[in-house]
All heavy atoms as atom14 arrays in JSON, in Angstrom:
{
  "sequence": "DDFGSGYSNFEHLAKLNIDYIKIDGSLIVNIDHAYLSQTIVEMVAS",
  "atom14_mask": [
    [1, 1, 1, 1, 1, 1, 1, 1, 0, 0, 0, 0, 0, 0],
    [1, 1, 1, 1, 1, 1, 1, 1, 0, 0, 0, 0, 0, 0],
    [1, 1, 1, 1, 1, 1, 1, 1, 1, 1, 1, 0, 0, 0],
    [1, 1, 1, 1, 0, 0, 0, 0, 0, 0, 0, 0, 0, 0],
    [1, 1, 1, 1, 1, 1, 0, 0, 0, 0, 0, 0, 0, 0],
    [1, 1, 1, 1, 0, 0, 0, 0, 0, 0, 0, 0, 0, 0],
    [1, 1, 1, 1, 1, 1, 1, 1, 1, 1, 1, 1, 0, 0],
    [1, 1, 1, 1, 1, 1, 0, 0, 0, 0, 0, 0, 0, 0],
    [1, 1, 1, 1, 1, 1, 1, 1, 0, 0, 0, 0, 0, 0],
    [1, 1, 1, 1, 1, 1, 1, 1, 1, 1, 1, 0, 0, 0],
    [1, 1, 1, 1, 1, 1, 1, 1, 1, 0, 0, 0, 0, 0],
    [1, 1, 1, 1, 1, 1, 1, 1, 1, 1, 0, 0, 0, 0],
    [1, 1, 1, 1, 1, 1, 1, 1, 0, 0, 0, 0, 0, 0],
    [1, 1, 1, 1, 1, 0, 0, 0, 0, 0, 0, 0, 0, 0],
    [1, 1, 1, 1, 1, 1, 1, 1, 1, 0, 0, 0, 0, 0],
    [1, 1, 1, 1, 1, 1, 1, 1, 0, 0, 0, 0, 0, 0],
    [1, 1, 1, 1, 1, 1, 1, 1, 0, 0, 0, 0, 0, 0],
    [1, 1, 1, 1, 1, 1, 1, 1, 0, 0, 0, 0, 0, 0],
    [1, 1, 1, 1, 1, 1, 1, 1, 0, 0, 0, 0, 0, 0],
    [1, 1, 1, 1, 1, 1, 1, 1, 1, 1, 1, 1, 0, 0],
    [1, 1, 1, 1, 1, 1, 1, 1, 0, 0, 0, 0, 0, 0],
    [1, 1, 1, 1, 1, 1, 1, 1, 1, 0, 0, 0, 0, 0],
    [1, 1, 1, 1, 1, 1, 1, 1, 0, 0, 0, 0, 0, 0],
    [1, 1, 1, 1, 1, 1, 1, 1, 0, 0, 0, 0, 0, 0],
    [1, 1, 1, 1, 0, 0, 0, 0, 0, 0, 0, 0, 0, 0],
    [1, 1, 1, 1, 1, 1, 0, 0, 0, 0, 0, 0, 0, 0],
    [1, 1, 1, 1, 1, 1, 1, 1, 0, 0, 0, 0, 0, 0],
    [1, 1, 1, 1, 1, 1, 1, 1, 0, 0, 0, 0, 0, 0],
    [1, 1, 1, 1, 1, 1, 1, 0, 0, 0, 0, 0, 0, 0],
    [1, 1, 1, 1, 1, 1, 1, 1, 0, 0, 0, 0, 0, 0],
    [1, 1, 1, 1, 1, 1, 1, 1, 0, 0, 0, 0, 0, 0],
    [1, 1, 1, 1, 1, 1, 1, 1, 0, 0, 0, 0, 0, 0],
    [1, 1, 1, 1, 1, 1, 1, 1, 1, 1, 0, 0, 0, 0],
    [1, 1, 1, 1, 1, 0, 0, 0, 0, 0, 0, 0, 0, 0],
    [1, 1, 1, 1, 1, 1, 1, 1, 1, 1, 1, 1, 0, 0],
    [1, 1, 1, 1, 1, 1, 1, 1, 0, 0, 0, 0, 0, 0],
    [1, 1, 1, 1, 1, 1, 0, 0, 0, 0, 0, 0, 0, 0],
    [1, 1, 1, 1, 1, 1, 1, 1, 1, 0, 0, 0, 0, 0],
    [1, 1, 1, 1, 1, 1, 1, 0, 0, 0, 0, 0, 0, 0],
    [1, 1, 1, 1, 1, 1, 1, 1, 0, 0, 0, 0, 0, 0],
    [1, 1, 1, 1, 1, 1, 1, 0, 0, 0, 0, 0, 0, 0],
    [1, 1, 1, 1, 1, 1, 1, 1, 1, 0, 0, 0, 0, 0],
    [1, 1, 1, 1, 1, 1, 1, 1, 0, 0, 0, 0, 0, 0],
    [1, 1, 1, 1, 1, 1, 1, 0, 0, 0, 0, 0, 0, 0],
    [1, 1, 1, 1, 1, 0, 0, 0, 0, 0, 0, 0, 0, 0],
    [1, 1, 1, 1, 1, 1, 0, 0, 0, 0, 0, 0, 0, 0]
  ],
  "atom14_positions": [
    [[0.71, -1.23, 0.06], [0.03, 0.07, -0.03], [0.82, 1.23, -0.06], [2.0, 1.2, 0.45], [-0.87, 0.04, 1.19], [-2.1, 0.89, 1.09], [-2.47, 1.31, -0.02], [-2.61, 1.21, 2.1], [0.0, 0.0, 0.0], [0.0, 0.0, 0.0], [0.0, 0.0, 0.0], [0.0, 0.0, 0.0], [0.0, 0.0, 0.0], [0.0, 0.0, 0.0]],
    [[0.3, 2.37, -0.47], [0.98, 3.64, -0.39], [2.31, 3.72, -1.14], [3.24, 4.35, -0.6], [1.07, 4.16, 1.0], [-0.31, 4.33, 1.71], [-1.21, 4.58, 0.92], [-0.42, 4.19, 2.98], [0.0, 0.0, 0.0], [0.0, 0.0, 0.0], [0.0, 0.0, 0.0], [0.0, 0.0, 0.0], [0.0, 0.0, 0.0], [0.0, 0.0, 0.0]],
    [[2.41, 2.98, -2.21], [3.67, 2.97, -2.82], [4.02, 4.37, -3.53], [3.1, 4.96, -4.06], [3.7, 2.0, -4.11], [5.02, 1.6, -4.55], [5.96, 0.67, -4.1], [5.55, 2.38, -5.7], [7.03, 0.39, -4.67], [6.71, 2.09, -6.33], [7.58, 1.04, -5.67], [0.0, 0.0, 0.0], [0.0, 0.0, 0.0], [0.0, 0.0, 0.0]],
    [[5.25, 4.79, -3.32], [5.54, 6.1, -3.88], [5.7, 7.11, -2.84], [6.02, 8.28, -3.03], [0.0, 0.0, 0.0], [0.0, 0.0, 0.0], [0.0, 0.0, 0.0], [0.0, 0.0, 0.0], [0.0, 0.0, 0.0], [0.0, 0.0, 0.0], [0.0, 0.0, 0.0], [0.0, 0.0, 0.0], [0.0, 0.0, 0.0], [0.0, 0.0, 0.0]],
    [[5.25, 6.79, -1.53], [5.24, 7.87, -0.4], [6.49, 7.77, 0.43], [6.68, 8.71, 1.2], [4.07, 7.57, 0.58], [4.21, 6.22, 1.14], [0.0, 0.0, 0.0], [0.0, 0.0, 0.0], [0.0, 0.0, 0.0], [0.0, 0.0, 0.0], [0.0, 0.0, 0.0], [0.0, 0.0, 0.0], [0.0, 0.0, 0.0], [0.0, 0.0, 0.0]],
    [[7.36, 6.85, 0.11], [8.68, 6.91, 0.83], [9.85, 6.56, -0.09], [9.64, 6.44, -1.41], [0.0, 0.0, 0.0], [0.0, 0.0, 0.0], [0.0, 0.0, 0.0], [0.0, 0.0, 0.0], [0.0, 0.0, 0.0], [0.0, 0.0, 0.0], [0.0, 0.0, 0.0], [0.0, 0.0, 0.0], [0.0, 0.0, 0.0], [0.0, 0.0, 0.0]],
    [[11.03, 6.37, 0.46], [12.21, 6.18, -0.34], [12.65, 4.79, -0.53], [13.46, 4.45, -1.29], [13.37, 6.96, 0.35], [13.16, 8.49, 0.41], [12.78, 9.02, 1.59], [13.28, 9.16, -0.73], [12.52, 10.47, 1.63], [13.08, 10.61, -0.7], [12.63, 11.15, 0.56], [12.52, 12.53, 0.56], [0.0, 0.0, 0.0], [0.0, 0.0, 0.0]],
    [[12.05, 3.84, 0.36], [12.54, 2.52, 0.21], [11.52, 1.53, -0.37], [11.71, 0.31, -0.29], [12.76, 2.04, 1.76], [11.49, 2.09, 2.46], [0.0, 0.0, 0.0], [0.0, 0.0, 0.0], [0.0, 0.0, 0.0], [0.0, 0.0, 0.0], [0.0, 0.0, 0.0], [0.0, 0.0, 0.0], [0.0, 0.0, 0.0], [0.0, 0.0, 0.0]],
    [[10.63, 2.0, -1.11], [9.57, 1.2, -1.75], [10.11, 0.19, -2.75], [9.75, -0.98, -2.81], [8.54, 2.06, -2.37], [7.63, 2.79, -1.38], [7.1, 3.76, -1.58], [7.56, 2.24, -0.13], [0.0, 0.0, 0.0], [0.0, 0.0, 0.0], [0.0, 0.0, 0.0], [0.0, 0.0, 0.0], [0.0, 0.0, 0.0], [0.0, 0.0, 0.0]],
    [[11.13, 0.66, -3.57], [11.63, -0.22, -4.53], [12.42, -1.38, -3.96], [12.61, -2.45, -4.57], [12.64, 0.51, -5.51], [11.82, 1.36, -6.57], [11.53, 2.71, -6.32], [11.22, 0.74, -7.65], [10.65, 3.44, -7.2], [10.52, 1.44, -8.53], [10.21, 2.9, -8.38], [0.0, 0.0, 0.0], [0.0, 0.0, 0.0], [0.0, 0.0, 0.0]],
    [[12.97, -1.25, -2.69], [13.64, -2.27, -2.03], [12.66, -3.33, -1.66], [12.91, -4.47, -1.67], [14.32, -1.72, -0.73], [15.12, -2.76, 0.07], [15.78, -2.2, 1.32], [15.51, -1.09, 1.7], [16.5, -2.89, 1.92], [0.0, 0.0, 0.0], [0.0, 0.0, 0.0], [0.0, 0.0, 0.0], [0.0, 0.0, 0.0], [0.0, 0.0, 0.0]],
    [[11.38, -2.93, -1.3], [10.4, -3.88, -0.97], [10.1, -4.74, -2.16], [9.86, -5.97, -2.07], [9.05, -3.27, -0.53], [9.23, -2.18, 0.6], [10.1, -2.43, 1.48], [8.48, -1.21, 0.9], [10.05, -1.34, 2.43], [9.07, -0.61, 1.99], [0.0, 0.0, 0.0], [0.0, 0.0, 0.0], [0.0, 0.0, 0.0], [0.0, 0.0, 0.0]],
    [[9.91, -4.13, -3.39], [9.68, -4.88, -4.65], [10.9, -5.96, -4.92], [10.52, -6.98, -5.4], [9.57, -3.91, -5.79], [8.39, -2.94, -5.7], [8.43, -2.02, -7.0], [7.12, -3.6, -5.49], [0.0, 0.0, 0.0], [0.0, 0.0, 0.0], [0.0, 0.0, 0.0], [0.0, 0.0, 0.0], [0.0, 0.0, 0.0], [0.0, 0.0, 0.0]],
    [[12.03, -5.56, -4.62], [13.25, -6.45, -4.88], [13.31, -7.57, -3.87], [13.65, -8.71, -4.24], [14.56, -5.61, -4.83], [0.0, 0.0, 0.0], [0.0, 0.0, 0.0], [0.0, 0.0, 0.0], [0.0, 0.0, 0.0], [0.0, 0.0, 0.0], [0.0, 0.0, 0.0], [0.0, 0.0, 0.0], [0.0, 0.0, 0.0], [0.0, 0.0, 0.0]],
    [[12.73, -7.34, -2.61], [12.97, -8.4, -1.57], [11.64, -9.15, -1.25], [11.76, -10.06, -0.53], [13.56, -7.68, -0.35], [14.93, -7.15, -0.46], [15.49, -6.66, 0.76], [16.92, -6.23, 0.55], [17.5, -5.7, 1.83], [0.0, 0.0, 0.0], [0.0, 0.0, 0.0], [0.0, 0.0, 0.0], [0.0, 0.0, 0.0], [0.0, 0.0, 0.0]],
    [[10.59, -8.63, -1.69], [9.3, -9.3, -1.32], [8.57, -9.74, -2.64], [8.43, -9.05, -3.64], [8.32, -8.28, -0.54], [8.95, -7.88, 0.75], [8.1, -6.75, 1.38], [9.1, -8.97, 1.82], [0.0, 0.0, 0.0], [0.0, 0.0, 0.0], [0.0, 0.0, 0.0], [0.0, 0.0, 0.0], [0.0, 0.0, 0.0], [0.0, 0.0, 0.0]],
    [[7.93, -10.94, -2.6], [7.29, -11.56, -3.67], [5.77, -11.04, -3.61], [4.98, -11.7, -3.06], [7.31, -12.99, -3.61], [6.6, -13.69, -4.72], [6.37, -13.04, -5.74], [6.4, -15.04, -4.67], [0.0, 0.0, 0.0], [0.0, 0.0, 0.0], [0.0, 0.0, 0.0], [0.0, 0.0, 0.0], [0.0, 0.0, 0.0], [0.0, 0.0, 0.0]],
    [[5.48, -9.84, -4.27], [4.23, -9.28, -4.27], [3.53, -9.29, -5.54], [4.11, -9.64, -6.58], [4.38, -7.74, -3.81], [5.09, -6.97, -4.83], [5.07, -7.61, -2.47], [4.94, -5.43, -4.63], [0.0, 0.0, 0.0], [0.0, 0.0, 0.0], [0.0, 0.0, 0.0], [0.0, 0.0, 0.0], [0.0, 0.0, 0.0], [0.0, 0.0, 0.0]],
    [[2.19, -9.21, -5.43], [1.31, -9.16, -6.67], [0.68, -7.88, -7.09], [0.38, -7.69, -8.28], [0.13, -10.19, -6.27], [0.61, -11.67, -5.9], [1.14, -12.28, -6.77], [0.42, -11.81, -4.59], [0.0, 0.0, 0.0], [0.0, 0.0, 0.0], [0.0, 0.0, 0.0], [0.0, 0.0, 0.0], [0.0, 0.0, 0.0], [0.0, 0.0, 0.0]],
    [[0.55, -6.94, -6.11], [0.07, -5.66, -6.43], [0.88, -4.48, -5.86], [1.3, -4.65, -4.79], [-1.35, -5.5, -5.94], [-2.47, -6.43, -6.49], [-2.74, -7.64, -5.89], [-3.24, -6.07, -7.58], [-3.62, -8.47, -6.44], [-4.15, -6.86, -8.16], [-4.35, -8.08, -7.47], [-5.36, -9.0, -8.08], [0.0, 0.0, 0.0], [0.0, 0.0, 0.0]],
    [[0.87, -3.44, -6.55], [1.36, -2.12, -6.09], [0.25, -1.16, -6.05], [-0.37, -0.96, -6.94], [2.62, -1.6, -6.96], [3.78, -2.5, -6.91], [2.94, -0.17, -6.45], [4.85, -2.06, -7.98], [0.0, 0.0, 0.0], [0.0, 0.0, 0.0], [0.0, 0.0, 0.0], [0.0, 0.0, 0.0], [0.0, 0.0, 0.0], [0.0, 0.0, 0.0]],
    [[-0.03, -0.65, -4.76], [-1.08, 0.36, -4.74], [-0.45, 1.78, -4.68], [0.24, 2.0, -3.72], [-1.99, 0.17, -3.43], [-2.73, -1.22, -3.52], [-3.99, -1.13, -2.46], [-5.06, -0.33, -2.85], [-6.19, -0.38, -2.04], [0.0, 0.0, 0.0], [0.0, 0.0, 0.0], [0.0, 0.0, 0.0], [0.0, 0.0, 0.0], [0.0, 0.0, 0.0]],
    [[-0.5, 2.49, -5.73], [0.1, 3.81, -5.79], [-0.51, 4.74, -4.89], [-1.81, 4.97, -4.73], [0.04, 4.32, -7.29], [0.66, 3.28, -8.21], [0.85, 5.53, -7.45], [0.37, 3.55, -9.66], [0.0, 0.0, 0.0], [0.0, 0.0, 0.0], [0.0, 0.0, 0.0], [0.0, 0.0, 0.0], [0.0, 0.0, 0.0], [0.0, 0.0, 0.0]],
    [[0.33, 5.33, -4.19], [-0.1, 6.38, -3.06], [-1.02, 7.43, -3.64], [-0.84, 8.02, -4.66], [1.03, 7.05, -2.45], [0.74, 7.79, -1.19], [0.25, 7.28, -0.26], [0.84, 9.11, -1.32], [0.0, 0.0, 0.0], [0.0, 0.0, 0.0], [0.0, 0.0, 0.0], [0.0, 0.0, 0.0], [0.0, 0.0, 0.0], [0.0, 0.0, 0.0]],
    [[-2.15, 7.76, -2.93], [-3.16, 8.59, -3.37], [-2.67, 10.02, -3.61], [-3.22, 10.77, -4.41], [0.0, 0.0, 0.0], [0.0, 0.0, 0.0], [0.0, 0.0, 0.0], [0.0, 0.0, 0.0], [0.0, 0.0, 0.0], [0.0, 0.0, 0.0], [0.0, 0.0, 0.0], [0.0, 0.0, 0.0], [0.0, 0.0, 0.0], [0.0, 0.0, 0.0]],
    [[-1.7, 10.39, -2.85], [-1.22, 11.8, -3.04], [-0.64, 12.09, -4.47], [-0.59, 13.12, -4.9], [-0.1, 12.02, -2.01], [0.96, 11.19, -2.12], [0.0, 0.0, 0.0], [0.0, 0.0, 0.0], [0.0, 0.0, 0.0], [0.0, 0.0, 0.0], [0.0, 0.0, 0.0], [0.0, 0.0, 0.0], [0.0, 0.0, 0.0], [0.0, 0.0, 0.0]],
    [[-0.18, 10.91, -5.17], [0.36, 11.08, -6.48], [-0.78, 11.01, -7.55], [-0.62, 11.48, -8.68], [1.28, 9.9, -6.75], [2.59, 9.88, -5.96], [3.38, 8.49, -6.2], [3.53, 11.07, -6.19], [0.0, 0.0, 0.0], [0.0, 0.0, 0.0], [0.0, 0.0, 0.0], [0.0, 0.0, 0.0], [0.0, 0.0, 0.0], [0.0, 0.0, 0.0]],
    [[-1.93, 10.51, -7.06], [-3.06, 10.38, -8.1], [-4.06, 11.52, -8.07], [-4.59, 11.85, -9.07], [-3.81, 8.95, -7.78], [-2.76, 7.75, -7.82], [-4.97, 8.69, -8.64], [-2.19, 7.52, -9.18], [0.0, 0.0, 0.0], [0.0, 0.0, 0.0], [0.0, 0.0, 0.0], [0.0, 0.0, 0.0], [0.0, 0.0, 0.0], [0.0, 0.0, 0.0]],
    [[-4.32, 11.9, -6.9], [-5.55, 13.02, -6.73], [-5.49, 14.17, -7.64], [-6.52, 14.56, -8.24], [-5.62, 13.35, -5.23], [-4.45, 14.21, -4.76], [-6.99, 14.1, -4.99], [0.0, 0.0, 0.0], [0.0, 0.0, 0.0], [0.0, 0.0, 0.0], [0.0, 0.0, 0.0], [0.0, 0.0, 0.0], [0.0, 0.0, 0.0], [0.0, 0.0, 0.0]],
    [[-4.28, 14.61, -7.85], [-4.19, 15.8, -8.83], [-3.29, 15.54, -10.15], [-2.69, 16.42, -10.61], [-3.72, 16.97, -8.08], [-4.45, 17.46, -7.01], [-5.77, 17.55, -7.34], [-4.0, 17.75, -5.83], [0.0, 0.0, 0.0], [0.0, 0.0, 0.0], [0.0, 0.0, 0.0], [0.0, 0.0, 0.0], [0.0, 0.0, 0.0], [0.0, 0.0, 0.0]],
    [[-3.22, 14.28, -10.47], [-2.24, 13.79, -11.45], [-2.55, 14.48, -12.87], [-1.66, 14.75, -13.68], [-2.2, 12.25, -11.6], [-0.98, 11.95, -12.41], [-3.56, 11.72, -12.22], [-0.84, 10.37, -12.52], [0.0, 0.0, 0.0], [0.0, 0.0, 0.0], [0.0, 0.0, 0.0], [0.0, 0.0, 0.0], [0.0, 0.0, 0.0], [0.0, 0.0, 0.0]],
    [[-3.8, 14.87, -13.05], [-4.15, 15.43, -14.33], [-3.6, 16.85, -14.64], [-3.58, 17.29, -15.72], [-5.8, 15.5, -14.54], [-6.37, 16.24, -13.32], [-5.78, 16.29, -12.22], [-7.58, 16.56, -13.39], [0.0, 0.0, 0.0], [0.0, 0.0, 0.0], [0.0, 0.0, 0.0], [0.0, 0.0, 0.0], [0.0, 0.0, 0.0], [0.0, 0.0, 0.0]],
    [[-3.16, 17.49, -13.56], [-2.41, 18.78, -13.78], [-1.14, 18.86, -12.98], [-0.64, 20.0, -12.71], [-3.24, 19.95, -13.48], [-3.94, 19.96, -12.25], [-5.24, 19.41, -11.95], [-3.46, 20.34, -11.0], [-5.5, 19.54, -10.69], [-4.49, 20.11, -10.08], [0.0, 0.0, 0.0], [0.0, 0.0, 0.0], [0.0, 0.0, 0.0], [0.0, 0.0, 0.0]],
    [[-0.46, 17.68, -12.48], [0.76, 17.71, -11.77], [1.79, 16.92, -12.48], [1.75, 15.65, -12.48], [0.44, 17.21, -10.34], [0.0, 0.0, 0.0], [0.0, 0.0, 0.0], [0.0, 0.0, 0.0], [0.0, 0.0, 0.0], [0.0, 0.0, 0.0], [0.0, 0.0, 0.0], [0.0, 0.0, 0.0], [0.0, 0.0, 0.0], [0.0, 0.0, 0.0]],
    [[2.63, 17.58, -13.13], [3.61, 16.86, -14.08], [4.51, 15.97, -13.24], [4.78, 14.86, -13.77], [4.54, 17.92, -14.69], [5.58, 17.34, -15.69], [5.18, 16.89, -16.85], [6.96, 17.31, -15.22], [6.13, 16.29, -17.69], [7.92, 16.71, -16.15], [7.55, 16.21, -17.22], [8.48, 15.66, -18.01], [0.0, 0.0, 0.0], [0.0, 0.0, 0.0]],
    [[4.96, 16.28, -12.12], [5.89, 15.48, -11.36], [5.27, 14.19, -11.02], [5.73, 13.06, -11.06], [6.4, 16.2, -10.03], [7.36, 15.28, -9.2], [8.6, 14.98, -9.96], [7.69, 16.18, -7.96], [0.0, 0.0, 0.0], [0.0, 0.0, 0.0], [0.0, 0.0, 0.0], [0.0, 0.0, 0.0], [0.0, 0.0, 0.0], [0.0, 0.0, 0.0]],
    [[3.94, 14.31, -10.53], [3.11, 12.93, -10.27], [2.93, 12.1, -11.46], [3.02, 10.91, -11.39], [1.77, 13.5, -9.64], [1.85, 14.08, -8.44], [0.0, 0.0, 0.0], [0.0, 0.0, 0.0], [0.0, 0.0, 0.0], [0.0, 0.0, 0.0], [0.0, 0.0, 0.0], [0.0, 0.0, 0.0], [0.0, 0.0, 0.0], [0.0, 0.0, 0.0]],
    [[2.79, 12.8, -12.64], [2.57, 12.0, -13.84], [3.89, 11.22, -14.18], [3.78, 10.04, -14.51], [2.3, 12.88, -15.08], [1.0, 13.64, -14.99], [0.77, 14.73, -15.94], [1.58, 14.84, -16.94], [-0.16, 15.63, -15.85], [0.0, 0.0, 0.0], [0.0, 0.0, 0.0], [0.0, 0.0, 0.0], [0.0, 0.0, 0.0], [0.0, 0.0, 0.0]],
    [[4.96, 11.86, -14.08], [6.28, 11.17, -14.31], [6.48, 10.04, -13.4], [6.86, 8.93, -13.72], [7.41, 12.25, -14.03], [7.11, 13.42, -14.98], [8.76, 11.55, -14.49], [0.0, 0.0, 0.0], [0.0, 0.0, 0.0], [0.0, 0.0, 0.0], [0.0, 0.0, 0.0], [0.0, 0.0, 0.0], [0.0, 0.0, 0.0], [0.0, 0.0, 0.0]],
    [[6.25, 10.27, -12.05], [6.48, 9.16, -11.16], [5.49, 8.03, -11.3], [5.92, 6.87, -11.24], [6.32, 9.66, -9.58], [7.32, 10.75, -9.37], [6.31, 8.48, -8.56], [7.15, 11.48, -7.99], [0.0, 0.0, 0.0], [0.0, 0.0, 0.0], [0.0, 0.0, 0.0], [0.0, 0.0, 0.0], [0.0, 0.0, 0.0], [0.0, 0.0, 0.0]],
    [[4.23, 8.3, -11.56], [3.2, 7.17, -11.72], [3.58, 6.51, -13.0], [3.38, 5.19, -13.09], [1.73, 7.68, -11.76], [0.79, 6.68, -12.2], [1.54, 8.36, -10.32], [0.0, 0.0, 0.0], [0.0, 0.0, 0.0], [0.0, 0.0, 0.0], [0.0, 0.0, 0.0], [0.0, 0.0, 0.0], [0.0, 0.0, 0.0], [0.0, 0.0, 0.0]],
    [[3.89, 7.21, -14.06], [4.17, 6.53, -15.42], [5.45, 5.6, -15.1], [5.45, 4.39, -15.74], [4.62, 7.66, -16.3], [4.39, 6.99, -17.85], [4.52, 8.19, -18.73], [4.92, 9.32, -18.47], [4.15, 7.93, -19.91], [0.0, 0.0, 0.0], [0.0, 0.0, 0.0], [0.0, 0.0, 0.0], [0.0, 0.0, 0.0], [0.0, 0.0, 0.0]],
    [[6.4, 6.04, -14.33], [7.62, 5.26, -14.07], [7.19, 3.97, -13.35], [7.61, 2.82, -13.66], [8.6, 5.98, -13.36], [9.87, 5.22, -13.05], [11.08, 6.27, -12.01], [10.1, 6.45, -10.53], [0.0, 0.0, 0.0], [0.0, 0.0, 0.0], [0.0, 0.0, 0.0], [0.0, 0.0, 0.0], [0.0, 0.0, 0.0], [0.0, 0.0, 0.0]],
    [[6.39, 4.1, -12.38], [6.04, 2.95, -11.39], [5.16, 2.01, -12.28], [5.44, 0.76, -12.19], [5.11, 3.47, -10.23], [4.53, 2.31, -9.49], [6.06, 4.25, -9.33], [0.0, 0.0, 0.0], [0.0, 0.0, 0.0], [0.0, 0.0, 0.0], [0.0, 0.0, 0.0], [0.0, 0.0, 0.0], [0.0, 0.0, 0.0], [0.0, 0.0, 0.0]],
    [[4.25, 2.44, -13.01], [3.43, 1.55, -13.88], [4.27, 0.77, -14.87], [4.09, -0.51, -15.1], [2.34, 2.36, -14.69], [0.0, 0.0, 0.0], [0.0, 0.0, 0.0], [0.0, 0.0, 0.0], [0.0, 0.0, 0.0], [0.0, 0.0, 0.0], [0.0, 0.0, 0.0], [0.0, 0.0, 0.0], [0.0, 0.0, 0.0], [0.0, 0.0, 0.0]],
    [[5.3, 1.41, -15.53], [6.07, 0.77, -16.45], [6.97, -0.28, -15.92], [7.15, -1.33, -16.3], [6.98, 1.84, -17.18], [7.94, 1.2, -18.01], [0.0, 0.0, 0.0], [0.0, 0.0, 0.0], [0.0, 0.0, 0.0], [0.0, 0.0, 0.0], [0.0, 0.0, 0.0], [0.0, 0.0, 0.0], [0.0, 0.0, 0.0], [0.0, 0.0, 0.0]]
  ]
}
């Protein structure tokens, strides 16, 4: 949960066998006009 809200999230992906990433709502709520949020979410989804 809340992926993208901290600095160690990618370490979790590397060390834990997970099925879903729930992208933190602070990156989503205004993504339609927040360029930085768009960049981060696009990178996470890819």
